[in-house]
Amino acid sequence: MSFEALKLAPAILKGLTKYGYDAPTPIQSEAIPKALSGRDLIASAKTGTGKTAAFVLPALQRLLDDPSKKGLRVLVLTPTRELADQIAKATSKYGRYMNIHNVAIYGGMPFGDQIRALAQSPEMIIATPGRFIDHIWRGRINLSNIELFILDEADRMLDMGFIDDVEFVAEAMPEECQTLLFAATMSQEATKFAEKFMKNPDRVELASSGKVTHDKIEQRLHMTDNIQHKGRILRHLCAGTDLSRAIVFSSTKREADTLARELRNEGFGVAALHGDMTQTIRNRTMENMRRGKIRILVATDVAARGIDITGVSHVINFDLPRSAEDYVNRIGRTGRASQSGVAISLVSRADFRYLDRIERYIGQNLNIHVIPGLEPSSSIGSRGIKPASPKSAKPKFGGSRNRSAARKPARRPENSTN
């Protein structure tokens, strides 16, 4: 199928051709016609499948169908600043040959710039919930003309604690507004939301409820004894010649900073990314990563959804995520756009219960790899790794790190999220 077959306007097709998009992905070919029909829609598909275009293109078509209408007509809510920025950039790309004004609204940026942008009466706003509501309360946004309400990464947004904010916005939508809900998986909260606020929604479900696969990603497992052993393995992996660009995931902001500092001291081109950094620094870090100035990004889960960097060869789970869905979202940062990738998880005995959840969710056991000279120094139980002789060398990597648990996000995660 071609984009022409989806009956999109010539101006949109021209923008797609300009940026080399010649055929829709499965989620796009399934979701776009249903979205254009005017019915509410629930669409689920795993990360990296093209969900952004699956709702941005119908949104642009909606704006083109009646260009005489003015004011805010399309609202997109998304959980993180990075996703809001990514969607805004995609909208500008696809709408390059349209006279469409879209604005990204999120926390961590000056109110003044956003107030000036809102004063120009954008037709489309892409926002994180908390900051969007702040502007509503201050009377800067008129919701009465909204025709299309889109929830991107709805499962993640609701799981992060945005449920009250999202419901507040949903209740304020005009009666005839069309709602599109996009998610990687339909969580219990997302399902409840759909039942409460959506009108007889159509459905597109490409995210398997059973086995979840990333066919282009080689998934590996390294058993570790302790934090020092884990640090030695990480350093070895980062020095590998096959690693061109990597994202290393840690569980806390403090650990992300510590790991980045230690790797930098070892001579690696590395930076941290987490919610305690200002948006300006986060944007600069992402740009440096895209330009190749940074080879390794040490990030908390703020980067699992929303980072769109080409050429990520490796994802390394320094800390295994507690959620199987988060594991899938993390490793989906590699193996994108027809490229292959490698996902490596560093696992200790304490992680076995989380590992079991992940393997049940993806429907396969992760392959165990052992690096000569970096074998575990003690048995790792049921995983079948035999004891090896203890190493006498005392590592300087990760010696006394504070392993405090990650806190739950506050009600305004865009100001404090990991």
Protein backbone atom coordinates (compact mmCIF):
# COMPACT_ATOMS: atom_id res chain seq x y z
CA MET A 1 0.00 0.00 0.00
CA SER A 2 1.10 3.57 -0.72
CA PHE A 3 0.33 6.77 1.15
CA GLU A 4 -1.68 7.86 -1.90
CA ALA A 5 -4.06 4.95 -1.27
CA LEU A 6 -4.83 6.43 2.16
CA LYS A 7 -6.41 9.44 0.41
CA LEU A 8 -4.25 12.04 2.09
CA ALA A 9 -4.09 15.55 0.64
CA PRO A 10 -1.43 16.34 -1.99
CA ALA A 11 0.30 18.78 0.38
CA ILE A 12 0.76 16.01 2.97
CA LEU A 13 1.97 13.53 0.35
CA LYS A 14 4.49 16.09 -0.86
CA GLY A 15 5.84 16.46 2.67
CA LEU A 16 6.13 12.69 3.08
CA THR A 17 7.97 12.39 -0.24
CA LYS A 18 10.31 15.23 0.74
CA TYR A 19 11.52 13.23 3.75
CA GLY A 20 11.69 9.87 2.02
CA TYR A 21 8.51 8.21 3.31
CA ASP A 22 7.18 6.10 0.45
CA ALA A 23 4.97 3.47 2.11
CA PRO A 24 3.01 3.34 5.37
CA THR A 25 3.87 0.94 8.17
CA PRO A 26 1.22 -1.57 9.28
CA ILE A 27 -0.02 0.64 12.13
CA GLN A 28 -0.27 3.59 9.74
CA SER A 29 -2.13 1.68 7.02
CA GLU A 30 -4.58 0.30 9.61
CA ALA A 31 -5.08 3.36 11.82
CA ILE A 32 -5.10 6.28 9.36
CA PRO A 33 -8.28 5.29 7.42
CA LYS A 34 -10.11 4.61 10.69
CA ALA A 35 -9.00 7.94 12.14
CA LEU A 36 -10.10 9.74 8.97
CA SER A 37 -13.57 8.17 9.31
CA GLY A 38 -14.32 10.40 12.28
CA ARG A 39 -14.88 7.60 14.81
CA ASP A 40 -13.03 7.35 18.11
CA LEU A 41 -10.08 4.99 17.82
CA ILE A 42 -7.92 2.85 20.12
CA ALA A 43 -4.65 1.82 18.47
CA SER A 44 -1.95 -0.27 20.12
CA ALA A 45 1.39 -1.24 18.63
CA LYS A 46 4.88 -1.69 19.98
CA THR A 47 7.42 1.12 19.94
CA GLY A 48 9.27 1.92 16.74
CA THR A 49 6.35 1.02 14.46
CA GLY A 50 5.41 4.52 13.31
CA LYS A 51 2.59 5.43 15.70
CA THR A 52 3.43 9.15 15.58
CA ALA A 53 2.65 9.47 11.88
CA ALA A 54 -0.44 7.30 12.39
CA PHE A 55 -2.09 10.14 14.30
CA VAL A 56 -0.22 13.22 13.01
CA LEU A 57 -1.22 12.58 9.39
CA PRO A 58 -4.97 12.33 10.14
CA ALA A 59 -4.62 15.45 12.29
CA LEU A 60 -3.08 17.38 9.39
CA GLN A 61 -5.78 16.08 7.05
CA ARG A 62 -8.44 17.28 9.49
CA LEU A 63 -6.93 20.77 9.47
CA LEU A 64 -6.78 20.81 5.68
CA ASP A 65 -10.39 19.65 5.23
CA ASP A 66 -11.69 23.02 6.42
CA PRO A 67 -8.86 25.59 6.48
CA SER A 68 -11.33 28.43 7.06
CA LYS A 69 -11.73 27.38 10.71
CA LYS A 70 -9.49 29.23 13.12
CA GLY A 71 -8.11 28.63 16.58
CA LEU A 72 -7.14 25.45 18.39
CA ARG A 73 -8.60 22.42 16.60
CA VAL A 74 -6.23 19.55 17.48
CA LEU A 75 -4.81 18.67 20.90
CA VAL A 76 -2.19 15.99 21.51
CA LEU A 77 -1.34 14.98 25.09
CA THR A 78 1.84 13.02 25.68
CA PRO A 79 3.73 12.01 28.83
CA THR A 80 7.18 13.55 28.39
CA ARG A 81 8.86 16.69 27.12
CA GLU A 82 10.95 14.68 24.67
CA LEU A 83 7.86 13.12 23.11
CA ALA A 84 6.11 16.48 22.86
CA ASP A 85 9.12 17.95 21.09
CA GLN A 86 9.43 14.91 18.81
CA ILE A 87 5.75 15.06 17.79
CA ALA A 88 5.98 18.80 17.12
CA LYS A 89 8.99 18.26 14.85
CA ALA A 90 7.23 15.42 13.02
CA THR A 91 4.19 17.64 12.51
CA SER A 92 6.37 20.36 11.01
CA LYS A 93 8.03 17.83 8.69
CA TYR A 94 4.85 16.21 7.42
CA GLY A 95 3.13 19.58 7.18
CA ARG A 96 6.04 21.32 5.50
CA TYR A 97 3.86 22.36 2.54
CA MET A 98 0.91 23.41 4.67
CA ASN A 99 0.26 26.67 6.45
CA ILE A 100 -0.19 25.02 9.84
CA HIS A 101 0.89 26.52 13.15
CA ASN A 102 1.64 23.94 15.86
CA VAL A 103 3.06 24.58 19.33
CA ALA A 104 4.71 22.29 21.89
CA ILE A 105 3.80 23.07 25.51
CA TYR A 106 5.64 21.32 28.35
CA GLY A 107 7.24 21.92 31.72
CA GLY A 108 10.84 22.99 32.17
CA MET A 109 10.56 25.80 29.62
CA PRO A 110 9.88 29.51 30.31
CA PHE A 111 6.21 30.47 30.50
CA GLY A 112 6.90 33.66 28.52
CA ASP A 113 7.86 31.86 25.33
CA GLN A 114 4.81 29.63 25.57
CA ILE A 115 2.48 32.56 26.29
CA ARG A 116 3.71 34.32 23.15
CA ALA A 117 3.27 31.13 21.10
CA LEU A 118 -0.27 30.63 22.39
CA ALA A 119 -1.12 34.25 21.59
CA GLN A 120 -0.60 33.41 17.89
CA SER A 121 -3.66 31.09 17.94
CA PRO A 122 -2.09 27.75 16.94
CA GLU A 123 -4.33 25.21 15.24
CA MET A 124 -2.54 22.32 16.96
CA ILE A 125 -1.00 21.98 20.42
CA ILE A 126 1.22 19.13 21.57
CA ALA A 127 1.52 19.18 25.35
CA THR A 128 2.33 17.39 28.57
CA PRO A 129 -0.75 17.35 30.83
CA GLY A 130 0.46 19.40 33.80
CA ARG A 131 1.76 22.40 31.90
CA PHE A 132 -1.26 22.34 29.58
CA ILE A 133 -3.61 22.54 32.56
CA ASP A 134 -1.55 25.38 34.02
CA HIS A 135 -2.29 27.41 30.87
CA ILE A 136 -5.98 26.44 30.99
CA TRP A 137 -6.32 27.72 34.55
CA ARG A 138 -4.71 31.00 33.49
CA GLY A 139 -7.26 31.42 30.71
CA ARG A 140 -4.75 31.22 27.86
CA ILE A 141 -6.31 28.28 25.99
CA ASN A 142 -9.80 28.02 24.50
CA LEU A 143 -10.96 24.40 24.24
CA SER A 144 -14.33 25.04 22.63
CA ASN A 145 -13.23 24.51 19.00
CA ILE A 146 -11.18 21.34 19.47
CA GLU A 147 -12.22 18.69 16.94
CA LEU A 148 -9.57 16.05 17.55
CA PHE A 149 -8.16 14.95 20.93
CA ILE A 150 -5.18 12.58 20.77
CA LEU A 151 -3.62 10.67 23.65
CA ASP A 152 -0.15 9.48 22.71
CA GLU A 153 1.55 6.77 24.81
CA ALA A 154 -1.66 6.66 26.86
CA ASP A 155 -0.59 3.61 28.84
CA ARG A 156 2.63 5.28 29.92
CA MET A 157 0.95 8.59 30.65
CA LEU A 158 -1.65 7.05 32.94
CA ASP A 159 0.87 4.74 34.64
CA MET A 160 3.02 7.78 35.43
CA GLY A 161 0.24 9.27 37.54
CA PHE A 162 -1.39 11.59 35.01
CA ILE A 163 -4.82 9.97 35.32
CA ASP A 164 -6.48 12.93 37.11
CA ASP A 165 -5.00 15.46 34.69
CA VAL A 166 -5.94 13.45 31.61
CA GLU A 167 -9.50 12.96 32.85
CA PHE A 168 -9.76 16.69 33.59
CA VAL A 169 -8.80 17.53 30.00
CA ALA A 170 -11.02 14.79 28.54
CA GLU A 171 -14.03 16.09 30.44
CA ALA A 172 -13.39 19.59 29.05
CA MET A 173 -13.46 18.44 25.40
CA PRO A 174 -16.45 19.48 23.23
CA GLU A 175 -19.19 16.88 22.92
CA GLU A 176 -18.53 16.15 19.22
CA CYS A 177 -14.75 15.94 19.58
CA GLN A 178 -13.14 12.82 18.12
CA THR A 179 -10.71 10.99 20.44
CA LEU A 180 -7.75 8.88 19.34
CA LEU A 181 -5.87 6.81 21.92
CA PHE A 182 -2.47 5.37 21.00
CA ALA A 183 -0.48 3.04 23.24
CA ALA A 184 2.23 0.40 23.18
CA THR A 185 0.01 -1.84 25.29
CA MET A 186 -3.44 -1.30 26.75
CA SER A 187 -2.92 -1.06 30.50
CA GLN A 188 -5.78 -1.41 32.97
CA GLU A 189 -5.88 2.36 33.47
CA ALA A 190 -5.96 3.02 29.72
CA THR A 191 -8.79 0.54 29.28
CA LYS A 192 -10.80 2.21 32.05
CA PHE A 193 -10.22 5.61 30.45
CA ALA A 194 -11.41 4.34 27.07
CA GLU A 195 -14.57 2.89 28.59
CA LYS A 196 -15.31 6.15 30.40
CA PHE A 197 -14.54 8.81 27.81
CA MET A 198 -14.61 7.25 24.33
CA LYS A 199 -17.72 6.71 22.20
CA ASN A 200 -17.93 3.23 20.65
CA PRO A 201 -14.27 3.31 19.56
CA ASP A 202 -12.91 1.43 16.58
CA ARG A 203 -9.79 -0.63 17.29
CA VAL A 204 -6.42 -1.42 15.77
CA GLU A 205 -4.34 -3.87 17.77
CA LEU A 206 -0.92 -4.75 16.45
CA ALA A 207 0.67 -5.11 19.88
CA SER A 208 0.50 -8.80 20.69
CA SER A 209 -1.06 -9.67 24.00
CA GLY A 210 1.19 -12.71 24.13
CA LYS A 211 4.67 -12.90 22.70
CA VAL A 212 6.32 -9.54 22.12
CA THR A 213 9.12 -9.68 19.58
CA HIS A 214 11.88 -7.43 18.35
CA ASP A 215 13.07 -9.48 15.40
CA LYS A 216 15.94 -7.15 14.52
CA ILE A 217 17.29 -6.93 18.06
CA GLU A 218 19.69 -9.51 19.50
CA GLN A 219 18.87 -9.80 23.21
CA ARG A 220 21.67 -10.84 25.55
CA LEU A 221 22.02 -11.47 29.26
CA HIS A 222 25.12 -11.04 31.45
CA MET A 223 25.04 -12.40 35.00
CA THR A 224 26.67 -10.19 37.63
CA ASP A 225 27.71 -10.73 41.25
CA ASN A 226 27.63 -7.19 42.57
CA ILE A 227 27.82 -3.52 41.62
CA GLN A 228 31.59 -3.65 41.09
CA HIS A 229 31.35 -6.63 38.76
CA LYS A 230 28.48 -4.99 36.91
CA GLY A 231 30.60 -1.86 36.44
CA ARG A 232 33.49 -3.83 34.95
CA ILE A 233 31.16 -5.50 32.45
CA LEU A 234 29.63 -2.16 31.48
CA ARG A 235 33.05 -0.63 30.88
CA HIS A 236 34.05 -3.61 28.72
CA LEU A 237 30.86 -3.33 26.66
CA CYS A 238 31.28 0.42 26.14
CA ALA A 239 34.81 -0.16 24.84
CA GLY A 240 33.60 -2.66 22.24
CA THR A 241 34.40 -1.84 18.63
CA ASP A 242 30.92 -2.94 17.53
CA LEU A 243 29.28 -0.29 19.72
CA SER A 244 28.75 2.84 17.65
CA ARG A 245 26.10 4.59 19.75
CA ALA A 246 24.49 3.33 22.96
CA ILE A 247 21.87 4.14 25.57
CA VAL A 248 22.59 2.82 29.07
CA PHE A 249 19.54 2.67 31.34
CA SER A 250 19.79 3.14 35.09
CA SER A 251 17.02 3.09 37.67
CA THR A 252 17.67 6.45 39.35
CA LYS A 253 18.76 9.96 38.44
CA ARG A 254 21.61 9.84 40.93
CA GLU A 255 22.97 6.64 39.44
CA ALA A 256 22.70 8.04 35.90
CA ASP A 257 24.91 10.96 36.94
CA THR A 258 27.36 8.64 38.73
CA LEU A 259 27.66 6.22 35.83
CA ALA A 260 28.13 9.05 33.33
CA ARG A 261 30.85 10.60 35.47
CA GLU A 262 32.69 7.30 35.93
CA LEU A 263 32.54 6.44 32.24
CA ARG A 264 33.69 9.95 31.36
CA ASN A 265 36.65 9.50 33.70
CA GLU A 266 37.49 6.34 31.75
CA GLY A 267 37.70 8.39 28.55
CA PHE A 268 34.31 7.64 27.00
CA GLY A 269 32.20 10.29 25.25
CA VAL A 270 29.19 10.15 27.55
CA ALA A 271 26.40 12.27 29.05
CA ALA A 272 23.50 11.72 31.42
CA LEU A 273 19.82 12.38 30.69
CA HIS A 274 17.14 12.57 33.39
CA GLY A 275 14.34 14.70 34.76
CA ASP A 276 16.42 16.83 37.16
CA MET A 277 18.19 18.46 34.19
CA THR A 278 16.78 21.64 32.71
CA GLN A 279 15.06 21.32 29.36
CA THR A 280 17.78 23.40 27.72
CA ILE A 281 20.47 20.96 28.87
CA ARG A 282 18.35 17.97 27.88
CA ASN A 283 17.85 19.40 24.39
CA ARG A 284 21.56 20.13 24.07
CA THR A 285 22.43 16.61 25.20
CA MET A 286 20.11 15.08 22.63
CA GLU A 287 21.51 17.26 19.87
CA ASN A 288 25.08 16.31 20.82
CA MET A 289 24.07 12.65 20.69
CA ARG A 290 22.57 13.06 17.22
CA ARG A 291 25.69 14.85 15.98
CA GLY A 292 27.99 12.16 17.32
CA LYS A 293 29.63 14.34 19.97
CA ILE A 294 28.30 11.89 22.55
CA ARG A 295 28.67 8.16 21.97
CA ILE A 296 26.98 6.88 25.13
CA LEU A 297 23.86 8.26 26.80
CA VAL A 298 23.18 7.19 30.40
CA ALA A 299 19.48 7.70 30.98
CA THR A 300 16.57 6.96 33.26
CA ASP A 301 13.26 5.81 31.81
CA VAL A 302 12.44 9.33 30.61
CA ALA A 303 14.38 8.20 27.53
CA ALA A 304 12.59 4.90 27.00
CA ARG A 305 9.75 6.54 25.11
CA GLY A 306 10.31 9.71 23.18
CA ILE A 307 13.95 9.52 22.19
CA ASP A 308 14.20 9.12 18.44
CA ILE A 309 17.90 8.82 17.60
CA THR A 310 18.98 6.92 14.52
CA GLY A 311 21.92 4.57 14.64
CA VAL A 312 21.67 3.38 18.26
CA SER A 313 23.56 0.09 18.00
CA HIS A 314 23.23 -0.97 21.65
CA VAL A 315 20.84 -0.61 24.55
CA ILE A 316 22.32 -1.67 27.89
CA ASN A 317 20.12 -2.24 30.92
CA PHE A 318 22.56 -1.49 33.72
CA ASP A 319 19.55 -1.85 36.01
CA LEU A 320 16.84 -4.23 34.89
CA PRO A 321 13.44 -2.49 34.76
CA ARG A 322 10.74 -3.70 37.16
CA SER A 323 8.14 -3.71 34.39
CA ALA A 324 8.24 -6.04 31.39
CA GLU A 325 6.60 -3.34 29.28
CA ASP A 326 9.40 -0.93 30.22
CA TYR A 327 11.94 -3.51 29.08
CA VAL A 328 10.31 -3.69 25.65
CA ASN A 329 10.16 0.10 25.42
CA ARG A 330 13.81 0.46 26.41
CA ILE A 331 15.22 -2.03 23.93
CA GLY A 332 13.02 -0.52 21.22
CA ARG A 333 15.46 2.42 21.09
CA THR A 334 17.69 0.20 18.92
CA GLY A 335 16.83 -1.93 15.90
CA ARG A 336 14.78 0.88 14.37
CA ALA A 337 14.12 1.84 10.75
CA SER A 338 15.13 -1.57 9.33
CA GLN A 339 18.45 -1.55 11.23
CA SER A 340 19.62 -4.29 13.57
CA GLY A 341 20.57 -3.74 17.18
CA VAL A 342 21.79 -5.37 20.38
CA ALA A 343 20.06 -5.20 23.77
CA ILE A 344 22.10 -6.28 26.80
CA SER A 345 20.81 -6.71 30.34
CA LEU A 346 23.08 -6.95 33.41
CA VAL A 347 21.34 -9.18 35.93
CA SER A 348 22.11 -10.27 39.48
CA ARG A 349 20.37 -12.85 41.64
CA ALA A 350 18.16 -10.09 43.09
CA ASP A 351 16.79 -9.39 39.60
CA PHE A 352 15.52 -12.91 38.88
CA ARG A 353 11.87 -12.14 39.63
CA TYR A 354 11.93 -9.19 37.23
CA LEU A 355 13.77 -11.25 34.63
CA ASP A 356 11.13 -13.97 34.87
CA ARG A 357 8.39 -11.39 34.22
CA ILE A 358 10.22 -10.08 31.19
CA GLU A 359 10.84 -13.51 29.69
CA ARG A 360 7.21 -14.53 30.17
CA TYR A 361 6.09 -11.28 28.56
CA ILE A 362 8.33 -11.54 25.49
CA GLY A 363 7.79 -15.30 25.21
CA GLN A 364 11.45 -16.29 25.17
CA ASN A 365 14.46 -16.78 27.42
CA LEU A 366 17.27 -14.29 27.08
CA ASN A 367 20.55 -15.79 25.89
CA ILE A 368 23.30 -15.80 28.52
CA HIS A 369 26.68 -14.45 27.41
CA VAL A 370 29.92 -14.69 29.37
CA ILE A 371 32.88 -12.41 28.74
CA PRO A 372 36.21 -14.24 29.20
CA GLY A 373 37.90 -12.80 32.26
CA LEU A 374 34.66 -11.27 33.52
CA GLU A 375 32.83 -14.43 34.57
CA PRO A 376 30.72 -14.26 37.73
CA SER A 377 32.79 -15.15 40.79
CA SER A 378 29.96 -17.11 42.42
CA SER A 379 27.08 -19.33 41.35
CA ILE A 380 24.06 -17.48 39.96
CA GLY A 381 21.60 -20.16 40.97
CA SER A 382 19.12 -21.48 38.45
CA ARG A 383 20.75 -19.72 35.52
CA GLY A 384 23.42 -22.38 35.45
CA ILE A 385 26.57 -20.26 35.60
CA LYS A 386 29.40 -22.20 37.22
CA PRO A 387 31.58 -20.54 39.85
CA ALA A 388 34.80 -18.99 38.65
CA SER A 389 37.89 -17.94 40.55
CA PRO A 390 37.47 -14.57 42.30
CA LYS A 391 39.29 -11.68 40.68
CA SER A 392 41.89 -10.05 42.83
CA ALA A 393 41.91 -6.71 41.07
CA LYS A 394 39.95 -4.11 42.97
CA PRO A 395 37.75 -2.15 40.57
CA LYS A 396 37.57 1.61 40.83
CA PHE A 397 34.28 1.61 38.94
CA GLY A 398 31.08 1.98 40.95
CA GLY A 399 32.58 1.27 44.37
CA SER A 400 30.18 2.86 46.86
CA ARG A 401 27.23 4.00 44.88
CA ASN A 402 24.04 4.87 46.73
CA ARG A 403 21.46 2.40 45.44
CA SER A 404 18.41 4.29 46.64
CA ALA A 405 15.07 3.34 45.12
CA ALA A 406 13.52 5.51 42.45
CA ARG A 407 10.70 7.67 43.72
CA LYS A 408 7.25 7.64 42.23
CA PRO A 409 6.59 10.57 39.90
CA ALA A 410 4.88 13.62 41.33
CA ARG A 411 1.55 14.92 40.03
CA ARG A 412 3.45 17.15 37.59
CA PRO A 413 5.94 14.60 36.16
CA GLU A 414 7.08 16.94 33.40
CA ASN A 415 8.75 19.05 36.10
CA SER A 416 10.32 16.18 38.01
CA THR A 417 10.08 13.00 35.98
CA ASN A 418 12.94 10.60 35.48
